[in-house]
PDB file of N, CA and C in Angstrom:
ATOM      1  N   MET A   1      99.086  82.902  12.869  1.00  0.00           N
ATOM      2  CA  MET A   1      98.568  82.324  11.873  1.00  0.00           C
ATOM      3  C   MET A   1      99.305  82.129  10.797  1.00  0.00           C
ATOM      4  N   THR A   2      99.716  80.255  11.054  1.00  0.00           N
ATOM      5  CA  THR A   2     100.462  79.874   9.759  1.00  0.00           C
ATOM      6  C   THR A   2      99.631  80.403   8.206  1.00  0.00           C
ATOM      7  N   LEU A   3     100.938  79.871   7.657  1.00  0.00           N
ATOM      8  CA  LEU A   3     100.098  80.194   6.448  1.00  0.00           C
ATOM      9  C   LEU A   3      99.145  79.018   6.026  1.00  0.00           C
ATOM     10  N   LYS A   4      99.646  77.759   6.370  1.00  0.00           N
ATOM     11  CA  LYS A   4      98.545  76.671   6.181  1.00  0.00           C
ATOM     12  C   LYS A   4      97.142  76.760   6.603  1.00  0.00           C
ATOM     13  N   ARG A   5      97.168  77.665   8.380  1.00  0.00           N
ATOM     14  CA  ARG A   5      96.088  77.591   8.590  1.00  0.00           C
ATOM     15  C   ARG A   5      95.014  78.869   8.033  1.00  0.00           C
ATOM     16  N   LEU A   6      95.930  80.247   7.257  1.00  0.00           N
ATOM     17  CA  LEU A   6      95.271  81.087   6.627  1.00  0.00           C
ATOM     18  C   LEU A   6      94.483  80.173   5.471  1.00  0.00           C
ATOM     19  N   PHE A   7      95.761  79.751   4.995  1.00  0.00           N
ATOM     20  CA  PHE A   7      95.200  78.670   3.613  1.00  0.00           C
ATOM     21  C   PHE A   7      93.426  77.529   3.828  1.00  0.00           C
ATOM     22  N   ASP A   8      93.281  77.157   5.029  1.00  0.00           N
ATOM     23  CA  ASP A   8      92.566  76.535   5.404  1.00  0.00           C
ATOM     24  C   ASP A   8      91.121  77.183   5.521  1.00  0.00           C
ATOM     25  N   THR A   9      91.251  78.610   6.097  1.00  0.00           N
ATOM     26  CA  THR A   9      90.210  79.160   5.992  1.00  0.00           C
ATOM     27  C   THR A   9      89.576  79.695   4.984  1.00  0.00           C
ATOM     28  N   ASP A  10      90.707  80.067   4.368  1.00  0.00           N
ATOM     29  CA  ASP A  10      90.239  80.631   3.468  1.00  0.00           C
ATOM     30  C   ASP A  10      89.522  79.928   2.762  1.00  0.00           C
ATOM     31  N   THR A  11      89.934  78.024   2.520  1.00  0.00           N
ATOM     32  CA  THR A  11      89.371  77.051   1.660  1.00  0.00           C
ATOM     33  C   THR A  11      88.117  77.277   2.114  1.00  0.00           C
ATOM     34  N   ASN A  12      88.019  77.095   3.290  1.00  0.00           N
ATOM     35  CA  ASN A  12      87.084  76.349   4.044  1.00  0.00           C
ATOM     36  C   ASN A  12      85.593  77.295   3.829  1.00  0.00           C
ATOM     37  N   THR A  13      85.726  78.907   4.200  1.00  0.00           N
ATOM     38  CA  THR A  13      85.349  80.197   4.028  1.00  0.00           C
ATOM     39  C   THR A  13      84.882  80.045   2.284  1.00  0.00           C
ATOM     40  N   HIS A  14      85.743  79.700   1.021  1.00  0.00           N
ATOM     41  CA  HIS A  14      85.561  79.922  -0.390  1.00  0.00           C
ATOM     42  C   HIS A  14      84.012  78.508  -0.986  1.00  0.00           C
ATOM     43  N   GLN A  15      84.657  77.097   0.148  1.00  0.00           N
ATOM     44  CA  GLN A  15      83.794  76.195  -0.106  1.00  0.00           C
ATOM     45  C   GLN A  15      82.341  76.960   0.422  1.00  0.00           C
ATOM     46  N   GLN A  16      82.280  77.058   1.455  1.00  0.00           N
ATOM     47  CA  GLN A  16      80.866  77.586   1.886  1.00  0.00           C
ATOM     48  C   GLN A  16      80.445  78.346   0.994  1.00  0.00           C
ATOM     49  N   GLY A  17      80.857  79.030   0.546  1.00  0.00           N
ATOM     50  CA  GLY A  17      79.820  80.298  -0.095  1.00  0.00           C
ATOM     51  C   GLY A  17      79.891  79.102  -2.067  1.00  0.00           C
ATOM     52  N   ARG A  18      80.135  78.417  -2.336  1.00  0.00           N
ATOM     53  CA  ARG A  18      79.810  77.422  -3.507  1.00  0.00           C
ATOM     54  C   ARG A  18      79.170  76.352  -2.526  1.00  0.00           C
ATOM     55  N   LYS A  19      78.178  76.277  -1.815  1.00  0.00           N
ATOM     56  CA  LYS A  19      77.730  74.842  -1.628  1.00  0.00           C
ATOM     57  C   LYS A  19      76.483  75.084  -2.408  1.00  0.00           C
ATOM     58  N   SER A  20      76.478  74.673  -2.948  1.00  0.00           N
ATOM     59  CA  SER A  20      74.405  74.343  -3.191  1.00  0.00           C
ATOM     60  C   SER A  20      73.366  74.191  -2.243  1.00  0.00           C
ATOM     61  N   LYS A  21      72.793  74.847  -3.053  1.00  0.00           N
ATOM     62  CA  LYS A  21      70.792  74.805  -2.165  1.00  0.00           C
ATOM     63  C   LYS A  21      70.351  74.101  -2.660  1.00  0.00           C
ATOM     64  N   LYS A  22      69.905  73.337  -2.100  1.00  0.00           N
ATOM     65  CA  LYS A  22      69.290  72.028  -2.450  1.00  0.00           C
ATOM     66  C   LYS A  22      67.980  71.812  -1.713  1.00  0.00           C
ATOM     67  N   MET A  23      66.701  72.287  -2.505  1.00  0.00           N
ATOM     68  CA  MET A  23      65.795  72.157  -2.151  1.00  0.00           C
ATOM     69  C   MET A  23      65.274  71.179  -1.678  1.00  0.00           C
ATOM     70  N   ALA A  24      64.062  71.215  -1.213  1.00  0.00           N
ATOM     71  CA  ALA A  24      63.513  70.152  -0.574  1.00  0.00           C
ATOM     72  C   ALA A  24      62.718  69.290  -1.873  1.00  0.00           C
ATOM     73  N   GLU A  25      62.964  67.759  -2.245  1.00  0.00           N
ATOM     74  CA  GLU A  25      62.629  67.433  -3.248  1.00  0.00           C
ATOM     75  C   GLU A  25      61.035  67.930  -3.876  1.00  0.00           C
ATOM     76  N   GLN A  26      61.245  68.429  -5.184  1.00  0.00           N
ATOM     77  CA  GLN A  26      59.978  68.744  -5.921  1.00  0.00           C
ATOM     78  C   GLN A  26      59.445  68.300  -7.236  1.00  0.00           C
ATOM     79  N   THR A  27      58.196  68.078  -7.598  1.00  0.00           N
ATOM     80  CA  THR A  27      58.213  67.518  -9.112  1.00  0.00           C
ATOM     81  C   THR A  27      58.152  68.860 -10.010  1.00  0.00           C
ATOM     82  N   HIS A  28      58.933  68.958 -10.959  1.00  0.00           N
ATOM     83  CA  HIS A  28      59.087  70.109 -12.293  1.00  0.00           C
ATOM     84  C   HIS A  28      58.799  69.746 -13.227  1.00  0.00           C
ATOM     85  N   ILE A  29      57.646  71.221 -14.194  1.00  0.00           N
ATOM     86  CA  ILE A  29      57.063  70.503 -15.135  1.00  0.00           C
ATOM     87  C   ILE A  29      57.967  71.345 -16.414  1.00  0.00           C
ATOM     88  N   PHE A  30      58.281  70.975 -17.923  1.00  0.00           N
ATOM     89  CA  PHE A  30      58.856  72.385 -18.146  1.00  0.00           C
ATOM     90  C   PHE A  30      58.676  71.543 -19.798  1.00  0.00           C
ATOM     91  N   TYR A  31      58.183  72.364 -20.753  1.00  0.00           N
ATOM     92  CA  TYR A  31      58.308  72.328 -21.620  1.00  0.00           C
ATOM     93  C   TYR A  31      59.802  72.216 -22.140  1.00  0.00           C
ATOM     94  N   MET A  32      59.768  71.340 -23.196  1.00  0.00           N
ATOM     95  CA  MET A  32      61.039  71.335 -24.791  1.00  0.00           C
ATOM     96  C   MET A  32      60.465  70.782 -26.055  1.00  0.00           C
ATOM     97  N   ASP A  33      60.866  71.548 -26.529  1.00  0.00           N
ATOM     98  CA  ASP A  33      60.294  71.877 -28.298  1.00  0.00           C
ATOM     99  C   ASP A  33      60.647  70.497 -28.457  1.00  0.00           C
ATOM    100  N   MET A  34      60.578  69.195 -28.067  1.00  0.00           N
ATOM    101  CA  MET A  34      60.998  67.838 -28.821  1.00  0.00           C
ATOM    102  C   MET A  34      60.113  67.490 -29.816  1.00  0.00           C
ATOM    103  N   THR A  35      60.671  66.737 -30.863  1.00  0.00           N
ATOM    104  CA  THR A  35      60.500  65.893 -31.796  1.00  0.00           C
ATOM    105  C   THR A  35      60.966  64.277 -32.095  1.00  0.00           C
ATOM    106  N   CYS A  36      61.355  64.294 -31.110  1.00  0.00           N
ATOM    107  CA  CYS A  36      61.602  62.983 -31.735  1.00  0.00           C
ATOM    108  C   CYS A  36      62.142  62.219 -30.161  1.00  0.00           C
ATOM    109  N   GLU A  37      62.057  60.782 -30.284  1.00  0.00           N
ATOM    110  CA  GLU A  37      62.988  60.236 -28.991  1.00  0.00           C
ATOM    111  C   GLU A  37      64.435  60.146 -28.573  1.00  0.00           C
ATOM    112  N   GLY A  38      64.637  60.651 -30.002  1.00  0.00           N
ATOM    113  CA  GLY A  38      66.174  61.203 -29.893  1.00  0.00           C
ATOM    114  C   GLY A  38      66.563  62.588 -28.776  1.00  0.00           C
ATOM    115  N   CYS A  39      65.189  63.394 -28.927  1.00  0.00           N
ATOM    116  CA  CYS A  39      65.636  64.691 -27.924  1.00  0.00           C
ATOM    117  C   CYS A  39      65.300  64.178 -27.240  1.00  0.00           C
ATOM    118  N   SER A  40      64.377  63.641 -26.207  1.00  0.00           N
ATOM    119  CA  SER A  40      63.913  62.949 -25.197  1.00  0.00           C
ATOM    120  C   SER A  40      64.985  62.322 -24.768  1.00  0.00           C
ATOM    121  N   ASN A  41      65.885  61.474 -25.497  1.00  0.00           N
ATOM    122  CA  ASN A  41      66.526  60.903 -24.937  1.00  0.00           C
ATOM    123  C   ASN A  41      68.081  62.114 -24.277  1.00  0.00           C
ATOM    124  N   ALA A  42      67.868  62.607 -24.903  1.00  0.00           N
ATOM    125  CA  ALA A  42      69.146  63.758 -24.875  1.00  0.00           C
ATOM    126  C   ALA A  42      68.737  64.762 -23.581  1.00  0.00           C
ATOM    127  N   ALA A  43      67.758  64.827 -23.424  1.00  0.00           N
ATOM    128  CA  ALA A  43      67.088  65.279 -21.771  1.00  0.00           C
ATOM    129  C   ALA A  43      67.193  64.125 -20.869  1.00  0.00           C
ATOM    130  N   LYS A  44      67.272  62.791 -21.457  1.00  0.00           N
ATOM    131  CA  LYS A  44      67.427  61.888 -19.848  1.00  0.00           C
ATOM    132  C   LYS A  44      68.918  62.071 -19.660  1.00  0.00           C
ATOM    133  N   ARG A  45      69.812  62.141 -21.067  1.00  0.00           N
ATOM    134  CA  ARG A  45      70.775  61.548 -20.421  1.00  0.00           C
ATOM    135  C   ARG A  45      71.677  63.201 -19.583  1.00  0.00           C
ATOM    136  N   VAL A  46      71.288  64.227 -20.398  1.00  0.00           N
ATOM    137  CA  VAL A  46      71.930  65.367 -18.996  1.00  0.00           C
ATOM    138  C   VAL A  46      71.181  65.687 -17.756  1.00  0.00           C
ATOM    139  N   LEU A  47      70.364  65.279 -17.766  1.00  0.00           N
ATOM    140  CA  LEU A  47      69.609  65.003 -16.449  1.00  0.00           C
ATOM    141  C   LEU A  47      70.473  63.945 -15.850  1.00  0.00           C
ATOM    142  N   GLY A  48      70.430  62.956 -16.423  1.00  0.00           N
ATOM    143  CA  GLY A  48      71.355  62.063 -15.725  1.00  0.00           C
ATOM    144  C   GLY A  48      72.700  62.681 -15.157  1.00  0.00           C
ATOM    145  N   LYS A  49      73.309  63.419 -15.876  1.00  0.00           N
ATOM    146  CA  LYS A  49      74.754  63.190 -15.801  1.00  0.00           C
ATOM    147  C   LYS A  49      74.688  64.691 -13.976  1.00  0.00           C
ATOM    148  N   LEU A  50      73.768  65.358 -14.088  1.00  0.00           N
ATOM    149  CA  LEU A  50      73.080  66.179 -13.160  1.00  0.00           C
ATOM    150  C   LEU A  50      73.015  65.463 -12.034  1.00  0.00           C
ATOM    151  N   GLY A  51      72.690  64.090 -11.685  1.00  0.00           N
ATOM    152  CA  GLY A  51      72.433  63.483 -11.019  1.00  0.00           C
ATOM    153  C   GLY A  51      70.797  63.160 -11.066  1.00  0.00           C
ATOM    154  N   VAL A  52      69.911  63.304 -11.311  1.00  0.00           N
ATOM    155  CA  VAL A  52      68.709  63.132 -11.429  1.00  0.00           C
ATOM    156  C   VAL A  52      68.501  61.688 -11.908  1.00  0.00           C
ATOM    157  N   ASP A  53      67.509  60.249 -11.109  1.00  0.00           N
ATOM    158  CA  ASP A  53      67.523  58.971 -11.511  1.00  0.00           C
ATOM    159  C   ASP A  53      66.542  59.582 -12.358  1.00  0.00           C
ATOM    160  N   GLU A  54      67.193  58.096 -13.392  1.00  0.00           N
ATOM    161  CA  GLU A  54      66.091  58.250 -14.888  1.00  0.00           C
ATOM    162  C   GLU A  54      64.305  57.743 -14.363  1.00  0.00           C
ATOM    163  N   GLY A  55      64.398  57.144 -12.775  1.00  0.00           N
ATOM    164  CA  GLY A  55      62.743  56.728 -12.084  1.00  0.00           C
ATOM    165  C   GLY A  55      62.500  58.153 -12.745  1.00  0.00           C
ATOM    166  N   ASN A  56      63.541  59.346 -12.078  1.00  0.00           N
ATOM    167  CA  ASN A  56      62.546  60.466 -11.734  1.00  0.00           C
ATOM    168  C   ASN A  56      62.203  60.910 -12.581  1.00  0.00           C
ATOM    169  N   ILE A  57      62.005  60.628 -13.280  1.00  0.00           N
ATOM    170  CA  ILE A  57      61.841  61.550 -14.827  1.00  0.00           C
ATOM    171  C   ILE A  57      60.923  61.059 -15.885  1.00  0.00           C
ATOM    172  N   THR A  58      59.764  61.485 -16.495  1.00  0.00           N
ATOM    173  CA  THR A  58      59.056  61.167 -17.001  1.00  0.00           C
ATOM    174  C   THR A  58      58.546  62.471 -18.657  1.00  0.00           C
ATOM    175  N   ILE A  59      58.451  61.341 -19.760  1.00  0.00           N
ATOM    176  CA  ILE A  59      58.159  62.359 -20.711  1.00  0.00           C
ATOM    177  C   ILE A  59      57.125  62.126 -21.546  1.00  0.00           C
ATOM    178  N   ASP A  60      56.659  62.965 -21.706  1.00  0.00           N
ATOM    179  CA  ASP A  60      55.440  63.206 -23.052  1.00  0.00           C
ATOM    180  C   ASP A  60      55.678  63.849 -24.445  1.00  0.00           C
ATOM    181  N   LEU A  61      56.219  63.013 -25.417  1.00  0.00           N
ATOM    182  CA  LEU A  61      57.248  63.420 -26.267  1.00  0.00           C
ATOM    183  C   LEU A  61      55.476  63.822 -27.109  1.00  0.00           C
ATOM    184  N   GLU A  62      54.442  63.478 -26.979  1.00  0.00           N
ATOM    185  CA  GLU A  62      53.645  64.148 -27.746  1.00  0.00           C
ATOM    186  C   GLU A  62      52.750  65.683 -26.795  1.00  0.00           C
ATOM    187  N   LYS A  63      52.889  66.110 -26.010  1.00  0.00           N
ATOM    188  CA  LYS A  63      52.544  67.185 -25.597  1.00  0.00           C
ATOM    189  C   LYS A  63      54.025  68.002 -25.561  1.00  0.00           C
ATOM    190  N   LYS A  64      55.321  67.164 -25.373  1.00  0.00           N
ATOM    191  CA  LYS A  64      56.764  68.034 -25.332  1.00  0.00           C
ATOM    192  C   LYS A  64      56.726  68.382 -23.848  1.00  0.00           C
ATOM    193  N   LEU A  65      56.094  67.558 -22.893  1.00  0.00           N
ATOM    194  CA  LEU A  65      56.437  68.075 -21.429  1.00  0.00           C
ATOM    195  C   LEU A  65      57.533  67.049 -21.077  1.00  0.00           C
ATOM    196  N   ILE A  66      58.223  67.359 -20.074  1.00  0.00           N
ATOM    197  CA  ILE A  66      58.947  66.453 -19.500  1.00  0.00           C
ATOM    198  C   ILE A  66      58.579  66.923 -18.094  1.00  0.00           C
ATOM    199  N   THR A  67      58.249  65.785 -16.920  1.00  0.00           N
ATOM    200  CA  THR A  67      58.241  66.211 -15.433  1.00  0.00           C
ATOM    201  C   THR A  67      59.472  65.248 -14.698  1.00  0.00           C
ATOM    202  N   VAL A  68      60.447  65.992 -13.413  1.00  0.00           N
ATOM    203  CA  VAL A  68      61.379  66.144 -13.279  1.00  0.00           C
ATOM    204  C   VAL A  68      61.396  66.463 -11.624  1.00  0.00           C
ATOM    205  N   LYS A  69      61.289  64.863 -11.124  1.00  0.00           N
ATOM    206  CA  LYS A  69      61.247  64.489  -9.760  1.00  0.00           C
ATOM    207  C   LYS A  69      62.692  65.027  -8.991  1.00  0.00           C
ATOM    208  N   SER A  70      62.872  66.424  -8.634  1.00  0.00           N
ATOM    209  CA  SER A  70      64.452  66.222  -8.066  1.00  0.00           C
ATOM    210  C   SER A  70      64.073  67.462  -6.747  1.00  0.00           C
ATOM    211  N   SER A  71      65.806  67.223  -6.063  1.00  0.00           N
ATOM    212  CA  SER A  71      66.033  68.302  -5.139  1.00  0.00           C
ATOM    213  C   SER A  71      66.465  70.072  -5.741  1.00  0.00           C
ATOM    214  N   GLU A  72      66.996  69.350  -6.970  1.00  0.00           N
ATOM    215  CA  GLU A  72      67.346  71.028  -7.605  1.00  0.00           C
ATOM    216  C   GLU A  72      66.298  71.923  -7.817  1.00  0.00           C
ATOM    217  N   SER A  73      66.956  73.115  -8.003  1.00  0.00           N
ATOM    218  CA  SER A  73      66.175  73.937  -7.644  1.00  0.00           C
ATOM    219  C   SER A  73      65.893  74.342  -9.651  1.00  0.00           C
ATOM    220  N   ALA A  74      64.552  75.041  -9.635  1.00  0.00           N
ATOM    221  CA  ALA A  74      64.288  75.061 -11.134  1.00  0.00           C
ATOM    222  C   ALA A  74      64.976  75.435 -11.930  1.00  0.00           C
ATOM    223  N   ASP A  75      65.406  76.491 -11.658  1.00  0.00           N
ATOM    224  CA  ASP A  75      67.187  77.361 -12.097  1.00  0.00           C
ATOM    225  C   ASP A  75      68.265  76.144 -13.157  1.00  0.00           C
ATOM    226  N   LYS A  76      68.490  75.464 -11.897  1.00  0.00           N
ATOM    227  CA  LYS A  76      69.460  74.658 -12.470  1.00  0.00           C
ATOM    228  C   LYS A  76      68.846  73.584 -13.218  1.00  0.00           C
ATOM    229  N   LEU A  77      67.590  72.927 -12.905  1.00  0.00           N
ATOM    230  CA  LEU A  77      66.943  71.956 -14.388  1.00  0.00           C
ATOM    231  C   LEU A  77      66.809  72.907 -15.508  1.00  0.00           C
ATOM    232  N   THR A  78      66.407  74.267 -15.362  1.00  0.00           N
ATOM    233  CA  THR A  78      66.276  74.749 -16.775  1.00  0.00           C
ATOM    234  C   THR A  78      67.408  75.136 -17.467  1.00  0.00           C
ATOM    235  N   GLU A  79      68.166  75.034 -17.015  1.00  0.00           N
ATOM    236  CA  GLU A  79      69.894  75.168 -16.956  1.00  0.00           C
ATOM    237  C   GLU A  79      70.495  74.100 -18.105  1.00  0.00           C
ATOM    238  N   THR A  80      70.453  73.218 -17.081  1.00  0.00           N
ATOM    239  CA  THR A  80      71.142  71.553 -17.361  1.00  0.00           C
ATOM    240  C   THR A  80      70.056  71.403 -18.886  1.00  0.00           C
ATOM    241  N   LEU A  81      68.652  71.346 -19.124  1.00  0.00           N
ATOM    242  CA  LEU A  81      68.286  71.050 -20.071  1.00  0.00           C
ATOM    243  C   LEU A  81      68.559  72.138 -21.308  1.00  0.00           C
ATOM    244  N   LYS A  82      68.696  73.287 -20.878  1.00  0.00           N
ATOM    245  CA  LYS A  82      68.965  74.031 -22.367  1.00  0.00           C
ATOM    246  C   LYS A  82      70.738  73.192 -23.033  1.00  0.00           C
ATOM    247  N   LYS A  83      71.350  72.874 -22.248  1.00  0.00           N
ATOM    248  CA  LYS A  83      72.414  72.058 -22.916  1.00  0.00           C
ATOM    249  C   LYS A  83      71.779  71.065 -24.258  1.00  0.00           C
ATOM    250  N   THR A  84      71.015  70.525 -24.188  1.00  0.00           N
ATOM    251  CA  THR A  84      70.152  70.196 -25.723  1.00  0.00           C
ATOM    252  C   THR A  84      70.305  70.453 -26.618  1.00  0.00           C
ATOM    253  N   GLY A  85      70.000  71.920 -26.794  1.00  0.00           N
ATOM    254  CA  GLY A  85      70.258  72.735 -27.850  1.00  0.00           C
ATOM    255  C   GLY A  85      68.627  73.205 -28.300  1.00  0.00           C
ATOM    256  N   LYS A  86      67.513  72.701 -27.162  1.00  0.00           N
ATOM    257  CA  LYS A  86      66.270  72.434 -27.610  1.00  0.00           C
ATOM    258  C   LYS A  86      65.655  73.885 -27.303  1.00  0.00           C
ATOM    259  N   GLU A  87      64.258  74.350 -27.540  1.00  0.00           N
ATOM    260  CA  GLU A  87      63.609  75.594 -27.099  1.00  0.00           C
ATOM    261  C   GLU A  87      63.418  74.803 -25.025  1.00  0.00           C
ATOM    262  N   ILE A  88      63.288  75.243 -24.243  1.00  0.00           N
ATOM    263  CA  ILE A  88      63.029  74.911 -22.741  1.00  0.00           C
ATOM    264  C   ILE A  88      62.797  75.955 -22.186  1.00  0.00           C
ATOM    265  N   ARG A  89      60.519  75.788 -21.381  1.00  0.00           N
ATOM    266  CA  ARG A  89      60.072  76.384 -20.894  1.00  0.00           C
ATOM    267  C   ARG A  89      59.478  75.944 -19.388  1.00  0.00           C
ATOM    268  N   TYR A  90      60.143  76.416 -18.658  1.00  0.00           N
ATOM    269  CA  TYR A  90      59.840  75.750 -17.070  1.00  0.00           C
ATOM    270  C   TYR A  90      58.185  76.240 -17.113  1.00  0.00           C
ATOM    271  N   GLU A  91      57.256  74.936 -16.691  1.00  0.00           N
ATOM    272  CA  GLU A  91      56.115  75.207 -16.934  1.00  0.00           C
ATOM    273  C   GLU A  91      55.352  75.421 -15.027  1.00  0.00           C
ATOM    274  N   GLY A  92      56.394  74.898 -14.310  1.00  0.00           N
ATOM    275  CA  GLY A  92      55.970  74.781 -12.698  1.00  0.00           C
ATOM    276  C   GLY A  92      56.068  74.008 -11.966  1.00  0.00           C
ATOM    277  N   THR A  93      55.651  73.963 -11.059  1.00  0.00           N
ATOM    278  CA  THR A  93      55.508  72.460  -9.970  1.00  0.00           C
ATOM    279  C   THR A  93      53.975  71.476 -10.018  1.00  0.00           C
ATOM    280  N   ASN A  94      54.001  70.268  -9.840  1.00  0.00           N
ATOM    281  CA  ASN A  94      52.866  69.591  -9.470  1.00  0.00           C
ATOM    282  C   ASN A  94      52.762  69.846  -8.220  1.00  0.00           C
TER     283      ASN A  94
END
């Protein structure tokens, strides 16, 4: 086996293990300790970086709830929202 072939095999195996398992699109609900529009904009910003379209994000600032329609896992969305520095709690699916 050539070095290139060995490298290609290792790379393919490594890449297969790293593939993100996306689920069917679901609507997830999160509690986020938001106090202002800046907080809600931060949530939209980090979710946007993950690839969530802004049209799939609904924010109820008064109830402090974020609804996200996405094929990403709840864990991935939670970890992404935590990047805002706010308290995040997963409430479930709708």
